[in-house]
Amino acid sequence: MAKRGGFPGGGMPGNMANQMKKAQKKQPQEEELSKVMENYQIKENYEGGAVEVTMSGTKKITKVKLDEEVVDPDDVEMLEDLIVAAVNEVLEKVDEASAAAMSKFTGGMGGGMPGLF
């Protein structure tokens, strides 16, 4: 009669052990990539420079610059919309840069760092 459950031979499957070893080897690379991305700065000018947003590679906004012409106390909603649009644009660029950096570290094989990308 066949055994139910478990792995044949009673041990950890070889594939699982290999994956654990690979994960341990990736950790220093992931730490290095994280440090690189922390120092990476991406700047996006929106609407011809009316709003400029700078964001780190770890998706933290480090600077917002507004052109005086877009600061209209009677139209705060337009300024809010411009800021949201500029932030979304810079987020897209950070995602692209993050994917490119990850590709360099993984040799184009995918993988990733949960929470970073």
C-alpha atoms as a PDB file:
ATOM      1  CA  MET A   1       0.000   0.000   0.000  1.00  0.00           C
ATOM      2  CA  ALA A   2       1.301   3.485  -0.929  1.00  0.00           C
ATOM      3  CA  LYS A   3       2.128   6.084   1.705  1.00  0.00           C
ATOM      4  CA  ARG A   4      -0.032   9.187   1.761  1.00  0.00           C
ATOM      5  CA  GLY A   5       1.450  12.672   2.052  1.00  0.00           C
ATOM      6  CA  GLY A   6       5.054  13.652   2.596  1.00  0.00           C
ATOM      7  CA  PHE A   7       7.935  13.350   0.169  1.00  0.00           C
ATOM      8  CA  PRO A   8       9.331  10.102  -1.124  1.00  0.00           C
ATOM      9  CA  GLY A   9      12.412   9.208   0.878  1.00  0.00           C
ATOM     10  CA  GLY A  10      11.229  11.333   3.812  1.00  0.00           C
ATOM     11  CA  GLY A  11      13.604  14.302   3.292  1.00  0.00           C
ATOM     12  CA  MET A  12      13.449  17.813   1.911  1.00  0.00           C
ATOM     13  CA  PRO A  13      13.171  17.743  -1.867  1.00  0.00           C
ATOM     14  CA  GLY A  14      16.422  18.678  -3.629  1.00  0.00           C
ATOM     15  CA  ASN A  15      14.766  21.507  -5.515  1.00  0.00           C
ATOM     16  CA  MET A  16      13.721  23.202  -2.256  1.00  0.00           C
ATOM     17  CA  ALA A  17      17.257  22.973  -0.865  1.00  0.00           C
ATOM     18  CA  ASN A  18      18.645  24.503  -4.073  1.00  0.00           C
ATOM     19  CA  GLN A  19      16.144  27.347  -3.879  1.00  0.00           C
ATOM     20  CA  MET A  20      17.189  28.073  -0.300  1.00  0.00           C
ATOM     21  CA  LYS A  21      20.859  28.236  -1.332  1.00  0.00           C
ATOM     22  CA  LYS A  22      20.025  30.566  -4.227  1.00  0.00           C
ATOM     23  CA  ALA A  23      18.037  32.846  -1.916  1.00  0.00           C
ATOM     24  CA  GLN A  24      20.997  33.089   0.482  1.00  0.00           C
ATOM     25  CA  LYS A  25      23.303  34.022  -2.395  1.00  0.00           C
ATOM     26  CA  LYS A  26      20.891  36.726  -3.604  1.00  0.00           C
ATOM     27  CA  GLN A  27      20.664  38.491  -0.248  1.00  0.00           C
ATOM     28  CA  PRO A  28      23.909  40.516  -0.582  1.00  0.00           C
ATOM     29  CA  GLN A  29      22.899  41.525  -4.123  1.00  0.00           C
ATOM     30  CA  GLU A  30      19.486  42.635  -2.914  1.00  0.00           C
ATOM     31  CA  GLU A  31      21.038  44.670  -0.098  1.00  0.00           C
ATOM     32  CA  GLU A  32      23.384  46.351  -2.580  1.00  0.00           C
ATOM     33  CA  LEU A  33      20.495  47.103  -4.941  1.00  0.00           C
ATOM     34  CA  SER A  34      18.479  48.567  -2.068  1.00  0.00           C
ATOM     35  CA  LYS A  35      21.356  50.924  -1.190  1.00  0.00           C
ATOM     36  CA  VAL A  36      21.699  51.980  -4.826  1.00  0.00           C
ATOM     37  CA  MET A  37      17.996  52.721  -5.107  1.00  0.00           C
ATOM     38  CA  GLU A  38      17.980  54.739  -1.856  1.00  0.00           C
ATOM     39  CA  ASN A  39      20.532  57.113  -3.376  1.00  0.00           C
ATOM     40  CA  TYR A  40      18.911  57.218  -6.813  1.00  0.00           C
ATOM     41  CA  GLN A  41      17.010  60.456  -7.520  1.00  0.00           C
ATOM     42  CA  ILE A  42      14.552  60.949 -10.384  1.00  0.00           C
ATOM     43  CA  LYS A  43      13.198  64.353 -11.290  1.00  0.00           C
ATOM     44  CA  GLU A  44      10.070  64.918 -13.368  1.00  0.00           C
ATOM     45  CA  ASN A  45       9.025  68.267 -14.792  1.00  0.00           C
ATOM     46  CA  TYR A  46       5.318  68.421 -15.510  1.00  0.00           C
ATOM     47  CA  GLU A  47       3.507  70.942 -17.699  1.00  0.00           C
ATOM     48  CA  GLY A  48       6.708  72.563 -18.926  1.00  0.00           C
ATOM     49  CA  GLY A  49       8.213  72.854 -15.468  1.00  0.00           C
ATOM     50  CA  ALA A  50       5.126  74.216 -13.714  1.00  0.00           C
ATOM     51  CA  VAL A  51       5.512  71.398 -11.206  1.00  0.00           C
ATOM     52  CA  GLU A  52       8.738  69.537 -10.549  1.00  0.00           C
ATOM     53  CA  VAL A  53       8.826  66.438  -8.348  1.00  0.00           C
ATOM     54  CA  THR A  54      11.974  64.614  -7.258  1.00  0.00           C
ATOM     55  CA  MET A  55      11.673  61.095  -5.887  1.00  0.00           C
ATOM     56  CA  SER A  56      14.164  58.556  -4.598  1.00  0.00           C
ATOM     57  CA  GLY A  57      14.438  55.083  -6.044  1.00  0.00           C
ATOM     58  CA  THR A  58      12.668  53.839  -2.930  1.00  0.00           C
ATOM     59  CA  LYS A  59       9.618  55.952  -3.850  1.00  0.00           C
ATOM     60  CA  LYS A  60      10.070  58.716  -1.306  1.00  0.00           C
ATOM     61  CA  ILE A  61       9.349  62.241  -2.523  1.00  0.00           C
ATOM     62  CA  THR A  62      12.388  64.343  -1.707  1.00  0.00           C
ATOM     63  CA  LYS A  63      11.370  67.638  -3.296  1.00  0.00           C
ATOM     64  CA  VAL A  64       8.406  69.449  -4.849  1.00  0.00           C
ATOM     65  CA  LYS A  65       9.008  72.702  -6.706  1.00  0.00           C
ATOM     66  CA  LEU A  66       6.166  74.888  -7.991  1.00  0.00           C
ATOM     67  CA  ASP A  67       6.363  77.650 -10.580  1.00  0.00           C
ATOM     68  CA  GLU A  68       4.850  80.852  -9.153  1.00  0.00           C
ATOM     69  CA  GLU A  69       2.484  81.046 -12.123  1.00  0.00           C
ATOM     70  CA  VAL A  70       0.608  77.892 -11.059  1.00  0.00           C
ATOM     71  CA  VAL A  71       0.021  79.121  -7.508  1.00  0.00           C
ATOM     72  CA  ASP A  72      -3.411  80.719  -7.873  1.00  0.00           C
ATOM     73  CA  PRO A  73      -5.302  81.009  -4.571  1.00  0.00           C
ATOM     74  CA  ASP A  74      -8.557  81.060  -6.529  1.00  0.00           C
ATOM     75  CA  ASP A  75      -7.787  77.746  -8.264  1.00  0.00           C
ATOM     76  CA  VAL A  76      -6.265  75.435  -5.659  1.00  0.00           C
ATOM     77  CA  GLU A  77      -7.914  72.437  -7.324  1.00  0.00           C
ATOM     78  CA  MET A  78      -5.841  72.934 -10.500  1.00  0.00           C
ATOM     79  CA  LEU A  79      -2.637  73.034  -8.459  1.00  0.00           C
ATOM     80  CA  GLU A  80      -3.640  69.865  -6.628  1.00  0.00           C
ATOM     81  CA  ASP A  81      -4.315  68.128  -9.955  1.00  0.00           C
ATOM     82  CA  LEU A  82      -0.920  69.222 -11.307  1.00  0.00           C
ATOM     83  CA  ILE A  83       0.871  67.869  -8.242  1.00  0.00           C
ATOM     84  CA  VAL A  84      -0.952  64.523  -8.428  1.00  0.00           C
ATOM     85  CA  ALA A  85      -0.146  64.208 -12.143  1.00  0.00           C
ATOM     86  CA  ALA A  86       3.526  65.075 -11.591  1.00  0.00           C
ATOM     87  CA  VAL A  87       3.843  62.560  -8.746  1.00  0.00           C
ATOM     88  CA  ASN A  88       2.267  59.837 -10.881  1.00  0.00           C
ATOM     89  CA  GLU A  89       4.675  60.624 -13.746  1.00  0.00           C
ATOM     90  CA  VAL A  90       7.726  60.408 -11.507  1.00  0.00           C
ATOM     91  CA  LEU A  91       6.421  57.163  -9.960  1.00  0.00           C
ATOM     92  CA  GLU A  92       6.308  55.616 -13.430  1.00  0.00           C
ATOM     93  CA  LYS A  93       9.902  56.681 -14.060  1.00  0.00           C
ATOM     94  CA  VAL A  94      11.039  55.264 -10.707  1.00  0.00           C
ATOM     95  CA  ASP A  95       9.335  51.957 -11.534  1.00  0.00           C
ATOM     96  CA  GLU A  96      11.107  51.859 -14.912  1.00  0.00           C
ATOM     97  CA  ALA A  97      14.471  52.654 -13.305  1.00  0.00           C
ATOM     98  CA  SER A  98      13.881  50.043 -10.593  1.00  0.00           C
ATOM     99  CA  ALA A  99      13.059  47.387 -13.174  1.00  0.00           C
ATOM    100  CA  ALA A 100      16.185  48.261 -15.153  1.00  0.00           C
ATOM    101  CA  ALA A 101      18.360  48.123 -12.024  1.00  0.00           C
ATOM    102  CA  MET A 102      16.836  44.802 -10.966  1.00  0.00           C
ATOM    103  CA  SER A 103      17.465  43.401 -14.429  1.00  0.00           C
ATOM    104  CA  LYS A 104      21.164  44.265 -14.096  1.00  0.00           C
ATOM    105  CA  PHE A 105      21.383  42.495 -10.733  1.00  0.00           C
ATOM    106  CA  THR A 106      19.459  39.409 -11.810  1.00  0.00           C
ATOM    107  CA  GLY A 107      20.917  39.150 -15.293  1.00  0.00           C
ATOM    108  CA  GLY A 108      17.446  39.590 -16.793  1.00  0.00           C
ATOM    109  CA  MET A 109      16.156  36.484 -15.015  1.00  0.00           C
ATOM    110  CA  GLY A 110      13.457  38.281 -13.049  1.00  0.00           C
ATOM    111  CA  GLY A 111      13.153  37.783  -9.328  1.00  0.00           C
ATOM    112  CA  GLY A 112      12.700  40.675  -7.077  1.00  0.00           C
ATOM    113  CA  MET A 113      12.688  42.269  -3.746  1.00  0.00           C
ATOM    114  CA  PRO A 114       9.177  42.353  -2.299  1.00  0.00           C
ATOM    115  CA  GLY A 115       8.232  45.904  -1.439  1.00  0.00           C
ATOM    116  CA  LEU A 116      10.954  47.570  -3.472  1.00  0.00           C
ATOM    117  CA  PHE A 117       9.449  47.124  -6.885  1.00  0.00           C
END
